[in-house]
Structure formats: structure tokens, C-alpha cells
Amino acid sequence: LRMLQVKLIVTGDDFGYCPRRNQGIVDCFLAGAVSNVSLLVNGSAAADAAKLARRYNIPIGLHANLSEGSPVCEVLKTNSSLLNQDGFFHGKMGFRTALSKGLLNMSEVKQELKAQVELFHELTGHLPPHMDGHQHIHVLPEVRHVFAEVLEEYGIKYTRVPIEPGLHNCDWIPPSLMDFYLGVEEDSFNTVDVFTRHGIRWPDIYIGLSTMGKNMSVSNIWSAIDTAIVEFTSKAPWPAHPTPQSRTVTIELMVHPGYPSVPPVGGCGEGPDDFSQSWERLHELQTLIKPELQSHYKTRNIQLCSFKDL
């Protein structure tokens, strides 16, 4: 693998969720541990996050959210198929259930996604170079088509397709979570053609499900990267006469570092969830800033970058 140049995008998801999450992600960026962020525009600290990104020159894209909190589109805040009885989005699993029952209006999905792109533009002063989905809603049936249309309309080139090499061998992931991940994987496989047809691109390799929260460790990140590269290069057509420049592999590592949220501050309209209040956010932060992780990147010819560097 010596001939290989690896470009690694380490994306801090849920930027804008709360001030403590923002601070944790910024600390990671300043430590060289995160190279890109994904903004929740309906997050309670979204405006603050956009200011921080501008101040520290942090590459920022859009974390499209249709499952947690409130819509940003005024028209949809009161009466919409995207809302439950309490007037909030249906939730990670609730959204999937409502979708499978045919209860979600796709024109409302499109309306909300466009409103989130517009708000992103308003907050940051530019369109997002990349756009992915909170809780992987963007690869779901029906939604994937609308999502791709919105990206194409705005000329947003990059997204995320959460298919993680080696995921099936990760025996530390509890069965219920593994079922969810395998559902995400299947949805992702079925999305590839749709995104391709719309001219949307994504990195060669995605990592992040097997390295989340308490499961994150330096060695776990290394082996996820190594496994993925070996699998990718074994499938990739190599040039007949390789030169050192002949192969660049791009990887996105999805991470969720932060200082744990303290209620009632945070969230996307309903207050912070258990995920964001968990000690696992701090564990990710502390793991990502470890010097041995950084030095590993250097010895492996792994260059941290953002989507606009691809």
C-alpha cells in the first residue's frame, strides 16, 4: 500500500446542536483531529456554529435533518406530514415507520430540504459543498430521489453513502443496533444508482458506524481504515504502470465528538437527546485528539482534508 495516497475527511456531525457540542467540535478541529463539519441548521446553536466556522475557517457542509426536532420551513411548522402529534419530526425510527406506511408527503420533504439549504446559505454566506442526512434519512426509499434532486438543483456535488467495509465482522455492535446499520447499508446500496444518475459524488470509502461512541479507540480507527483500504484496493482497477501519483483513495470518517449536552440547553427544538448527553461524546473527543492517532496518519501518508479538497 506504499503507492497509495489517502485523503481522509474526518467529519464532525451535528455541529449546531448545542454550545457544548460546538465547542467540542471546534476543539477537535483546532487540534487537527476533525477536518470538516456537518451543520444541523435546525439545531439550537446553529447560528453560533456558523460564526465559529467562519472565525476558525472550518470547512462546513449541511447535515439535513428530517427526523429530530422542528422543521425550518415556516409553512411546515404547523401542519405537515413530517410532524407527529406533538408538532415535532417523527424521530429516527418514527420517520422510517411513517415512510414505510406511505404517510410522508415527498413534496413536503423537498420543501424542507430546500429550506434547510437556504438557511445554511443565510447562516454561512455560501452553499454547502456537501450535504448528508442526520440519522441517514437521505438514503431511504423515496427520500433518496428528492434528496438527489435538491442537490442537483443547488449544484451540491458531494454526499455520504454509509456503506462501511468490514461492518459485518464487528462483533462488538449489539444486535439491535446492527439491525439498524444493516438496514442503512441496504438502503445505501439501493441509493447508489440514484445519486450516480444525478451526478452526485461521495468518497471512495465511508467509516464511522463501527467506531462510534464507546467503541471508538485509536486501534479501532486504524483497523477500520486499514480494512477499508485493503478491501477497496483489492476491487479497484489499478493502472498497468503505477506511479506514486497513480492512486488516491478518499475516505470519510464520520465522528460525533463534543462535551456532553446539559439540558435544557441544546437540541433541535425538543431539548437534547440521550445521544448528545452521553459521556460517549467526550470519549470520542478525547480519542480523536490523541497524538498517536495523528502520528499514525503521518506515517501512513494519510492527509486530512475536506470535500472541497477532493
Foldseek 3Di string as FASTA:
>chain_A
DQLEAEEEAEEAEAQQQFPQLLVLVLVCVVLVLHQEYAYALLKNRRLVSLVSCVVVVHQYAHAQELAFFAFPDPVQQPDALQQDPVSTGLHLVGNVVCVVVVSHDLVVLLVRRLSRQVSVCVSNVDGHLEYAYDSRPCLAPPNVLSSLVSCLVRVNAEYDQPDAPPLVVLVVDDPVVSVSSVVSNVSSVVNVVSNVVSNHDYFPHEAESCQAFPNNALVSVVVSVVRGVVVSVVPDDFDPDRDSPRYYGYYYYYYHAGAADDPPTGTSHRRDDPVRNDCSNPVRSVRSSDVVSVVVCVVSNYHYHHSVVD
